[in-house]
Each structure stands twice: as structure tokens, then as C-alpha cells.
Amino acid sequence: MALKITTQIGTNRGLTSEAYIRIFRYEVSKLGFMNCWLQVYQTEADANQPAGETPIYKESVSLEIGSTCKIPLVDTLTRTVKKQQLVDYEETIKVPVLDENRQPTGQLENKIVTRKRPMEVDVEETYEVPNLSLIEGQDIFEYGYTKLKEKLVTLYGAENIVDC
């Protein structure tokens, strides 16, 4: 399994429009993610060396792609909880009417003022919780390649990513 990028990308070994990417290792964490380590090559031939030659010497580095692909394995939960918060409320108060010299006239008028007071309100909180069942019962490499392909499609477009 591997993916090929058919548009020009930059690597530490120069430009290529035949970049060949494969997952060579993965790690699943109980914290709710899977990390896939990637190997990037200029061409498929660089990755598939004859016996006795180590393809690691032909590896490239692409800053856009990176050396790992971190895949979240979480569910998002939302729940409503009660919390104390300052809430605006309006209150009508009586204030003295002032004349042009800013002196009280002896009359009163109503004025609406906005104040804050602590109140218990319903607030929605969102949590992410690990969900390893997302990868249960399936080929973990297929899952990893599917997510890697999604990442590469966002970077280079679906027309430029080929399954190998």
C-alpha cells in the first residue's frame, strides 16, 4: 500500500511530480489518536530497491506532508451543565430631572439601567473522549491510508492523489 502525488511538490532532494508516500509504522494511543510514521520518496523506484540496498538512503522530506500523520480517534460529546455566570438584567430606577444648569428641579423620571448579577444558567460543554472502536475490526493500515489520503487531498486535490 502507498499513495502517489502526481503534482509537483518540493522535498529536500528537489522537486518531484511522482512523490511516493507510504506508512512504515503506526502507534495507537489510549489517549485517542493514532500516529502513522511516513516515508516519502521522490519516485516509486526509490522506495522499491533491490535486496541488499537500503531504501532509507533514498528517502525525502517534505515539510508540507511532514513525517507523521496524527489521526484522531475520538467522539465529541456535548452535555448541558448548570454554571454560575454574570447575566445582564435591566432595572428601572428613579433619577432627579436636571435643568440646563445641571441642578435638580425637584421632579423624578424613570431611567432603565443594565446591571449584572450572578445567576445559574444552562451552558453546553463539548468534550472529546477517546473512541478506539473506530479502528476495531478493520485493517489498521487501510484506515491509516484512508486518513492520510484525506490529508493529501486537502493539500494537493483529489485529482493528484493515486492509490498504489
N, C-alpha and C. Protein backbone atom coordinates (compact mmCIF):
# COMPACT_ATOMS: atom_id res chain seq x y z
N MET A 1 0.83 -1.18 0.00
CA MET A 1 0.00 0.00 0.00
C MET A 1 0.87 1.23 0.00
N ALA A 2 0.45 2.21 -0.76
CA ALA A 2 1.15 3.50 -0.80
C ALA A 2 0.27 4.48 -1.56
N LEU A 3 0.68 5.74 -1.55
CA LEU A 3 0.00 6.79 -2.29
C LEU A 3 1.03 7.54 -3.11
N LYS A 4 0.60 8.01 -4.28
CA LYS A 4 1.48 8.76 -5.15
C LYS A 4 0.86 10.14 -5.38
N ILE A 5 1.70 11.18 -5.32
CA ILE A 5 1.25 12.54 -5.61
C ILE A 5 1.74 12.88 -7.01
N THR A 6 0.80 13.21 -7.89
CA THR A 6 1.14 13.43 -9.30
C THR A 6 1.28 14.90 -9.66
N THR A 7 1.28 15.76 -8.67
CA THR A 7 1.56 17.17 -8.93
C THR A 7 2.91 17.50 -8.32
N GLN A 8 3.51 18.58 -8.76
CA GLN A 8 4.86 18.90 -8.31
C GLN A 8 4.87 19.34 -6.84
N ILE A 9 5.74 18.71 -6.06
CA ILE A 9 5.95 19.11 -4.67
C ILE A 9 7.45 19.26 -4.43
N GLY A 10 7.77 20.02 -3.40
CA GLY A 10 9.16 20.22 -3.05
C GLY A 10 9.58 19.30 -1.92
N THR A 11 10.78 18.76 -2.03
CA THR A 11 11.35 17.95 -0.97
C THR A 11 12.80 18.39 -0.77
N ASN A 12 13.45 17.81 0.23
CA ASN A 12 14.86 18.13 0.45
C ASN A 12 15.76 17.62 -0.67
N ARG A 13 15.23 16.71 -1.50
CA ARG A 13 16.01 16.17 -2.63
C ARG A 13 15.60 16.82 -3.94
N GLY A 14 14.81 17.88 -3.88
CA GLY A 14 14.40 18.60 -5.09
C GLY A 14 12.92 18.44 -5.37
N LEU A 15 12.50 18.98 -6.51
CA LEU A 15 11.09 18.91 -6.92
C LEU A 15 10.79 17.55 -7.54
N THR A 16 9.56 17.10 -7.34
CA THR A 16 9.12 15.85 -7.96
C THR A 16 7.63 15.92 -8.22
N SER A 17 7.19 15.24 -9.26
CA SER A 17 5.76 15.11 -9.52
C SER A 17 5.38 13.63 -9.50
N GLU A 18 6.23 12.83 -8.84
CA GLU A 18 5.96 11.39 -8.69
C GLU A 18 6.19 10.96 -7.24
N ALA A 19 5.96 11.84 -6.30
CA ALA A 19 6.24 11.52 -4.89
C ALA A 19 5.46 10.27 -4.48
N TYR A 20 6.16 9.40 -3.77
CA TYR A 20 5.61 8.11 -3.35
C TYR A 20 5.65 8.10 -1.83
N ILE A 21 4.49 7.92 -1.20
CA ILE A 21 4.38 8.00 0.26
C ILE A 21 3.80 6.71 0.80
N ARG A 22 4.44 6.21 1.85
CA ARG A 22 3.89 5.01 2.49
C ARG A 22 4.02 5.12 4.01
N ILE A 23 3.16 4.38 4.68
CA ILE A 23 3.19 4.29 6.14
C ILE A 23 4.11 3.13 6.49
N PHE A 24 5.13 3.39 7.32
CA PHE A 24 6.01 2.28 7.68
C PHE A 24 5.83 1.85 9.13
N ARG A 25 5.12 2.66 9.92
CA ARG A 25 4.90 2.29 11.32
C ARG A 25 3.70 3.07 11.85
N TYR A 26 3.02 2.47 12.80
CA TYR A 26 1.92 3.19 13.44
C TYR A 26 1.91 2.90 14.93
N GLU A 27 1.27 3.78 15.65
CA GLU A 27 1.12 3.62 17.09
C GLU A 27 -0.28 4.11 17.46
N VAL A 28 -1.01 3.29 18.19
CA VAL A 28 -2.34 3.66 18.66
C VAL A 28 -2.23 4.00 20.14
N SER A 29 -2.74 5.16 20.50
CA SER A 29 -2.68 5.61 21.89
C SER A 29 -4.06 5.54 22.52
N LYS A 30 -4.09 5.12 23.77
CA LYS A 30 -5.36 5.10 24.52
C LYS A 30 -5.88 6.51 24.77
N LEU A 31 -5.05 7.51 24.51
CA LEU A 31 -5.48 8.89 24.69
C LEU A 31 -6.39 9.35 23.55
N GLY A 32 -6.55 8.52 22.52
CA GLY A 32 -7.49 8.84 21.46
C GLY A 32 -6.88 9.33 20.17
N PHE A 33 -5.75 8.76 19.79
CA PHE A 33 -5.19 9.09 18.48
C PHE A 33 -4.32 7.95 17.97
N MET A 34 -4.10 7.97 16.67
CA MET A 34 -3.21 7.01 16.02
C MET A 34 -2.17 7.84 15.29
N ASN A 35 -0.92 7.52 15.48
CA ASN A 35 0.17 8.22 14.81
C ASN A 35 0.76 7.30 13.77
N CYS A 36 0.80 7.74 12.52
CA CYS A 36 1.40 6.96 11.43
C CYS A 36 2.69 7.66 11.01
N TRP A 37 3.79 6.92 11.01
CA TRP A 37 5.06 7.46 10.54
C TRP A 37 5.14 7.22 9.04
N LEU A 38 5.55 8.25 8.32
CA LEU A 38 5.54 8.23 6.86
C LEU A 38 6.94 8.18 6.29
N GLN A 39 7.04 7.52 5.15
CA GLN A 39 8.25 7.57 4.33
C GLN A 39 7.86 8.24 3.02
N VAL A 40 8.62 9.26 2.64
CA VAL A 40 8.38 9.99 1.40
C VAL A 40 9.56 9.75 0.48
N TYR A 41 9.28 9.36 -0.76
CA TYR A 41 10.32 9.12 -1.75
C TYR A 41 10.05 9.98 -2.98
N GLN A 42 11.11 10.27 -3.72
CA GLN A 42 10.97 11.03 -4.97
C GLN A 42 10.15 10.25 -6.00
N THR A 43 10.38 8.94 -6.06
CA THR A 43 9.67 8.08 -7.03
C THR A 43 9.39 6.73 -6.38
N GLU A 44 8.55 5.96 -7.00
CA GLU A 44 8.26 4.61 -6.51
C GLU A 44 9.50 3.73 -6.59
N ALA A 45 10.32 3.95 -7.62
CA ALA A 45 11.54 3.17 -7.78
C ALA A 45 12.51 3.39 -6.62
N ASP A 46 12.55 4.61 -6.08
CA ASP A 46 13.41 4.89 -4.93
C ASP A 46 12.99 4.07 -3.71
N ALA A 47 11.70 3.85 -3.56
CA ALA A 47 11.17 3.11 -2.41
C ALA A 47 11.37 1.61 -2.56
N ASN A 48 11.36 1.12 -3.77
CA ASN A 48 11.44 -0.33 -4.03
C ASN A 48 12.82 -0.70 -4.55
N GLN A 49 13.80 -0.68 -3.65
CA GLN A 49 15.17 -1.01 -4.00
C GLN A 49 15.38 -2.52 -4.00
N PRO A 50 16.31 -3.01 -4.81
CA PRO A 50 16.61 -4.44 -4.81
C PRO A 50 17.17 -4.88 -3.46
N ALA A 51 17.12 -6.18 -3.21
CA ALA A 51 17.63 -6.74 -1.96
C ALA A 51 19.08 -6.32 -1.75
N GLY A 52 19.40 -5.96 -0.54
CA GLY A 52 20.76 -5.55 -0.23
C GLY A 52 20.95 -4.05 -0.24
N GLU A 53 20.08 -3.31 -0.90
CA GLU A 53 20.17 -1.85 -0.90
C GLU A 53 19.12 -1.31 0.06
N THR A 54 19.49 -0.36 0.85
CA THR A 54 18.59 0.18 1.85
C THR A 54 17.86 1.40 1.29
N PRO A 55 16.52 1.33 1.18
CA PRO A 55 15.79 2.47 0.62
C PRO A 55 15.80 3.71 1.51
N ILE A 56 16.26 3.56 2.78
CA ILE A 56 16.27 4.72 3.66
C ILE A 56 17.16 5.83 3.12
N TYR A 57 18.20 5.47 2.36
CA TYR A 57 19.10 6.47 1.79
C TYR A 57 18.44 7.25 0.66
N LYS A 58 17.34 6.75 0.16
CA LYS A 58 16.62 7.42 -0.92
C LYS A 58 15.43 8.22 -0.40
N GLU A 59 15.20 8.18 0.91
CA GLU A 59 14.05 8.89 1.48
C GLU A 59 14.20 10.39 1.31
N SER A 60 13.05 11.05 1.18
CA SER A 60 13.00 12.50 1.08
C SER A 60 12.22 13.05 2.27
N VAL A 61 12.26 14.36 2.41
CA VAL A 61 11.49 15.04 3.45
C VAL A 61 10.69 16.14 2.78
N SER A 62 9.41 16.18 3.07
CA SER A 62 8.55 17.26 2.58
C SER A 62 7.94 17.95 3.79
N LEU A 63 8.22 19.23 3.93
CA LEU A 63 7.70 19.96 5.09
C LEU A 63 6.18 20.06 5.06
N GLU A 64 5.60 20.09 3.86
CA GLU A 64 4.14 20.16 3.75
C GLU A 64 3.48 18.88 4.24
N ILE A 65 4.05 17.75 3.86
CA ILE A 65 3.46 16.46 4.24
C ILE A 65 3.83 16.10 5.66
N GLY A 66 5.06 16.35 6.03
CA GLY A 66 5.54 16.01 7.36
C GLY A 66 6.03 14.57 7.43
N SER A 67 6.47 14.16 8.61
CA SER A 67 6.98 12.80 8.78
C SER A 67 5.99 11.91 9.51
N THR A 68 4.92 12.50 10.02
CA THR A 68 3.88 11.71 10.69
C THR A 68 2.50 12.23 10.28
N CYS A 69 1.53 11.38 10.48
CA CYS A 69 0.14 11.75 10.26
C CYS A 69 -0.61 11.36 11.53
N LYS A 70 -1.04 12.35 12.29
CA LYS A 70 -1.74 12.10 13.54
C LYS A 70 -3.24 12.05 13.26
N ILE A 71 -3.85 10.91 13.57
CA ILE A 71 -5.26 10.68 13.26
C ILE A 71 -6.04 10.62 14.57
N PRO A 72 -7.01 11.53 14.75
CA PRO A 72 -7.80 11.49 15.98
C PRO A 72 -8.74 10.28 16.02
N LEU A 73 -8.83 9.66 17.17
CA LEU A 73 -9.75 8.55 17.40
C LEU A 73 -10.62 8.95 18.59
N VAL A 74 -11.50 9.91 18.34
CA VAL A 74 -12.32 10.47 19.42
C VAL A 74 -13.76 10.65 18.96
N ASP A 75 -14.63 10.69 19.94
CA ASP A 75 -16.02 11.09 19.75
C ASP A 75 -16.19 12.42 20.46
N THR A 76 -17.03 13.28 19.90
CA THR A 76 -17.31 14.55 20.53
C THR A 76 -18.66 14.45 21.23
N LEU A 77 -18.65 14.74 22.52
CA LEU A 77 -19.87 14.69 23.31
C LEU A 77 -20.22 16.09 23.78
N THR A 78 -21.50 16.39 23.78
CA THR A 78 -21.98 17.67 24.29
C THR A 78 -22.98 17.41 25.39
N ARG A 79 -22.83 18.13 26.48
CA ARG A 79 -23.79 17.99 27.57
C ARG A 79 -24.09 19.37 28.14
N THR A 80 -25.27 19.47 28.71
CA THR A 80 -25.70 20.73 29.31
C THR A 80 -25.45 20.67 30.81
N VAL A 81 -24.78 21.69 31.32
CA VAL A 81 -24.49 21.76 32.74
C VAL A 81 -24.92 23.13 33.27
N LYS A 82 -25.17 23.20 34.55
CA LYS A 82 -25.54 24.47 35.19
C LYS A 82 -24.26 25.12 35.73
N LYS A 83 -24.11 26.42 35.43
CA LYS A 83 -22.94 27.16 35.88
C LYS A 83 -23.36 28.54 36.35
N GLN A 84 -22.61 29.09 37.29
CA GLN A 84 -22.82 30.45 37.74
C GLN A 84 -22.16 31.40 36.74
N GLN A 85 -22.92 32.36 36.20
CA GLN A 85 -22.36 33.35 35.29
C GLN A 85 -23.00 34.70 35.58
N LEU A 86 -22.26 35.75 35.23
CA LEU A 86 -22.84 37.08 35.36
C LEU A 86 -23.78 37.30 34.17
N VAL A 87 -25.02 37.69 34.48
CA VAL A 87 -26.04 37.86 33.45
C VAL A 87 -26.54 39.30 33.52
N ASP A 88 -26.71 39.91 32.34
CA ASP A 88 -27.27 41.26 32.28
C ASP A 88 -28.75 41.23 32.61
N TYR A 89 -29.21 42.23 33.34
CA TYR A 89 -30.64 42.41 33.57
C TYR A 89 -30.91 43.91 33.61
N GLU A 90 -32.13 44.28 33.26
CA GLU A 90 -32.50 45.68 33.24
C GLU A 90 -33.32 46.01 34.47
N GLU A 91 -33.09 47.20 34.99
CA GLU A 91 -33.81 47.65 36.18
C GLU A 91 -34.22 49.10 35.93
N THR A 92 -35.42 49.45 36.35
CA THR A 92 -35.89 50.84 36.23
C THR A 92 -35.67 51.53 37.56
N ILE A 93 -34.99 52.66 37.50
CA ILE A 93 -34.74 53.44 38.72
C ILE A 93 -35.26 54.87 38.51
N LYS A 94 -35.52 55.55 39.61
CA LYS A 94 -35.98 56.96 39.57
C LYS A 94 -34.76 57.85 39.77
N VAL A 95 -34.60 58.81 38.86
CA VAL A 95 -33.49 59.75 38.94
C VAL A 95 -34.05 61.16 38.90
N PRO A 96 -33.37 62.12 39.53
CA PRO A 96 -33.85 63.51 39.50
C PRO A 96 -33.69 64.12 38.11
N VAL A 97 -34.66 64.95 37.74
CA VAL A 97 -34.59 65.69 36.48
C VAL A 97 -33.72 66.93 36.72
N LEU A 98 -32.79 67.18 35.82
CA LEU A 98 -31.88 68.32 35.97
C LEU A 98 -32.26 69.41 34.98
N ASP A 99 -32.03 70.65 35.39
CA ASP A 99 -32.28 71.77 34.46
C ASP A 99 -31.03 72.03 33.63
N GLU A 100 -31.05 73.14 32.85
CA GLU A 100 -29.92 73.44 31.96
C GLU A 100 -28.64 73.75 32.73
N ASN A 101 -28.72 74.09 33.98
CA ASN A 101 -27.54 74.34 34.81
C ASN A 101 -27.12 73.10 35.60
N ARG A 102 -27.77 72.02 35.29
CA ARG A 102 -27.50 70.71 35.91
C ARG A 102 -27.85 70.72 37.40
N GLN A 103 -28.89 71.43 37.72
CA GLN A 103 -29.40 71.49 39.08
C GLN A 103 -30.72 70.71 39.14
N PRO A 104 -30.98 69.97 40.23
CA PRO A 104 -32.24 69.22 40.34
C PRO A 104 -33.44 70.16 40.32
N THR A 105 -34.49 69.71 39.62
CA THR A 105 -35.71 70.52 39.52
C THR A 105 -36.73 70.09 40.55
N GLY A 106 -36.50 69.02 41.24
CA GLY A 106 -37.45 68.50 42.22
C GLY A 106 -38.35 67.42 41.64
N GLN A 107 -38.26 67.23 40.33
CA GLN A 107 -39.05 66.18 39.69
C GLN A 107 -38.18 64.93 39.52
N LEU A 108 -38.85 63.78 39.38
CA LEU A 108 -38.15 62.50 39.15
C LEU A 108 -38.61 61.91 37.83
N GLU A 109 -37.70 61.18 37.17
CA GLU A 109 -38.05 60.45 35.94
C GLU A 109 -37.50 59.04 36.04
N ASN A 110 -38.13 58.13 35.27
CA ASN A 110 -37.68 56.73 35.25
C ASN A 110 -36.54 56.59 34.25
N LYS A 111 -35.54 55.83 34.66
CA LYS A 111 -34.40 55.54 33.76
C LYS A 111 -34.11 54.04 33.85
N ILE A 112 -33.90 53.43 32.68
CA ILE A 112 -33.60 51.99 32.63
C ILE A 112 -32.08 51.83 32.62
N VAL A 113 -31.58 51.04 33.56
CA VAL A 113 -30.14 50.76 33.63
C VAL A 113 -29.93 49.25 33.51
N THR A 114 -28.79 48.90 32.94
CA THR A 114 -28.44 47.49 32.80
C THR A 114 -27.37 47.16 33.82
N ARG A 115 -27.61 46.09 34.55
CA ARG A 115 -26.67 45.65 35.58
C ARG A 115 -26.38 44.17 35.39
N LYS A 116 -25.41 43.70 36.13
CA LYS A 116 -25.05 42.28 36.07
C LYS A 116 -25.25 41.67 37.44
N ARG A 117 -25.68 40.42 37.43
CA ARG A 117 -25.80 39.68 38.68
C ARG A 117 -25.50 38.21 38.40
N PRO A 118 -24.95 37.52 39.39
CA PRO A 118 -24.66 36.10 39.17
C PRO A 118 -25.96 35.30 39.15
N MET A 119 -26.05 34.43 38.16
CA MET A 119 -27.22 33.55 38.04
C MET A 119 -26.75 32.18 37.59
N GLU A 120 -27.52 31.19 37.92
CA GLU A 120 -27.24 29.84 37.46
C GLU A 120 -27.90 29.68 36.09
N VAL A 121 -27.08 29.38 35.06
CA VAL A 121 -27.59 29.24 33.70
C VAL A 121 -27.16 27.90 33.12
N ASP A 122 -27.90 27.44 32.12
CA ASP A 122 -27.54 26.21 31.41
C ASP A 122 -26.49 26.54 30.35
N VAL A 123 -25.39 25.81 30.37
CA VAL A 123 -24.30 26.01 29.42
C VAL A 123 -23.98 24.67 28.77
N GLU A 124 -23.79 24.68 27.43
CA GLU A 124 -23.40 23.46 26.74
C GLU A 124 -21.88 23.34 26.73
N GLU A 125 -21.38 22.20 27.19
CA GLU A 125 -19.94 21.93 27.18
C GLU A 125 -19.67 20.79 26.21
N THR A 126 -18.60 20.92 25.46
CA THR A 126 -18.23 19.90 24.48
C THR A 126 -16.95 19.22 24.95
N TYR A 127 -16.95 17.90 24.89
CA TYR A 127 -15.81 17.09 25.30
C TYR A 127 -15.42 16.16 24.17
N GLU A 128 -14.13 15.88 24.07
CA GLU A 128 -13.67 14.82 23.17
C GLU A 128 -13.22 13.67 24.04
N VAL A 129 -13.76 12.48 23.75
CA VAL A 129 -13.39 11.30 24.52
C VAL A 129 -12.82 10.26 23.56
N PRO A 130 -11.78 9.54 23.99
CA PRO A 130 -11.19 8.51 23.13
C PRO A 130 -12.23 7.47 22.70
N ASN A 131 -12.13 7.06 21.43
CA ASN A 131 -13.01 6.02 20.91
C ASN A 131 -12.19 5.11 20.00
N LEU A 132 -11.57 4.11 20.58
CA LEU A 132 -10.73 3.20 19.81
C LEU A 132 -11.55 2.23 18.97
N SER A 133 -12.87 2.19 19.17
CA SER A 133 -13.70 1.30 18.36
C SER A 133 -13.75 1.77 16.90
N LEU A 134 -13.30 3.00 16.62
CA LEU A 134 -13.26 3.48 15.23
C LEU A 134 -12.34 2.63 14.36
N ILE A 135 -11.35 1.97 14.98
CA ILE A 135 -10.41 1.15 14.21
C ILE A 135 -10.58 -0.33 14.47
N GLU A 136 -11.54 -0.66 15.32
CA GLU A 136 -11.76 -2.06 15.68
C GLU A 136 -12.31 -2.86 14.50
N GLY A 137 -11.79 -4.06 14.30
CA GLY A 137 -12.33 -4.98 13.30
C GLY A 137 -12.00 -4.61 11.86
N GLN A 138 -10.97 -3.81 11.65
CA GLN A 138 -10.58 -3.47 10.28
C GLN A 138 -9.06 -3.42 10.17
N ASP A 139 -8.58 -3.45 8.95
CA ASP A 139 -7.14 -3.37 8.70
C ASP A 139 -6.67 -1.97 9.08
N ILE A 140 -5.76 -1.92 10.05
CA ILE A 140 -5.33 -0.62 10.58
C ILE A 140 -4.57 0.19 9.53
N PHE A 141 -3.85 -0.49 8.64
CA PHE A 141 -3.14 0.23 7.58
C PHE A 141 -4.12 0.85 6.59
N GLU A 142 -5.19 0.11 6.25
CA GLU A 142 -6.20 0.68 5.35
C GLU A 142 -6.81 1.93 5.95
N TYR A 143 -7.12 1.88 7.24
CA TYR A 143 -7.67 3.04 7.93
C TYR A 143 -6.67 4.20 7.88
N GLY A 144 -5.42 3.90 8.17
CA GLY A 144 -4.37 4.92 8.14
C GLY A 144 -4.22 5.54 6.76
N TYR A 145 -4.22 4.69 5.72
CA TYR A 145 -4.09 5.21 4.35
C TYR A 145 -5.30 6.05 3.94
N THR A 146 -6.47 5.66 4.41
CA THR A 146 -7.67 6.45 4.11
C THR A 146 -7.53 7.85 4.69
N LYS A 147 -7.10 7.94 5.95
CA LYS A 147 -6.94 9.24 6.60
C LYS A 147 -5.77 10.03 6.01
N LEU A 148 -4.68 9.34 5.65
CA LEU A 148 -3.56 10.01 5.00
C LEU A 148 -4.00 10.58 3.66
N LYS A 149 -4.77 9.81 2.92
CA LYS A 149 -5.26 10.28 1.62
C LYS A 149 -6.13 11.53 1.79
N GLU A 150 -6.99 11.54 2.83
CA GLU A 150 -7.82 12.72 3.09
C GLU A 150 -6.94 13.95 3.32
N LYS A 151 -5.85 13.76 4.07
CA LYS A 151 -4.93 14.87 4.34
C LYS A 151 -4.28 15.35 3.04
N LEU A 152 -3.81 14.40 2.22
CA LEU A 152 -3.13 14.77 0.98
C LEU A 152 -4.10 15.42 -0.01
N VAL A 153 -5.36 14.97 -0.03
CA VAL A 153 -6.36 15.57 -0.91
C VAL A 153 -6.58 17.04 -0.53
N THR A 154 -6.58 17.35 0.77
CA THR A 154 -6.74 18.76 1.17
C THR A 154 -5.54 19.59 0.75
N LEU A 155 -4.36 18.98 0.69
CA LEU A 155 -3.15 19.72 0.30
C LEU A 155 -3.01 19.86 -1.21
N TYR A 156 -3.32 18.78 -1.96
CA TYR A 156 -2.98 18.76 -3.39
C TYR A 156 -4.17 18.52 -4.32
N GLY A 157 -5.35 18.22 -3.80
CA GLY A 157 -6.52 17.97 -4.64
C GLY A 157 -6.65 16.49 -4.96
N ALA A 158 -7.88 16.01 -5.05
CA ALA A 158 -8.16 14.59 -5.26
C ALA A 158 -7.60 14.09 -6.60
N GLU A 159 -7.58 14.95 -7.60
CA GLU A 159 -7.08 14.52 -8.92
C GLU A 159 -5.58 14.24 -8.92
N ASN A 160 -4.87 14.66 -7.88
CA ASN A 160 -3.41 14.50 -7.84
C ASN A 160 -2.94 13.41 -6.88
N ILE A 161 -3.88 12.62 -6.32
CA ILE A 161 -3.52 11.55 -5.40
C ILE A 161 -3.96 10.21 -6.00
N VAL A 162 -3.00 9.28 -6.11
CA VAL A 162 -3.27 7.98 -6.74
C VAL A 162 -2.93 6.88 -5.73
N ASP A 163 -3.83 5.88 -5.60
CA ASP A 163 -3.55 4.72 -4.75
C ASP A 163 -2.59 3.80 -5.50
N CYS A 164 -1.62 3.27 -4.77
CA CYS A 164 -0.66 2.32 -5.39
C CYS A 164 -0.77 0.98 -4.68
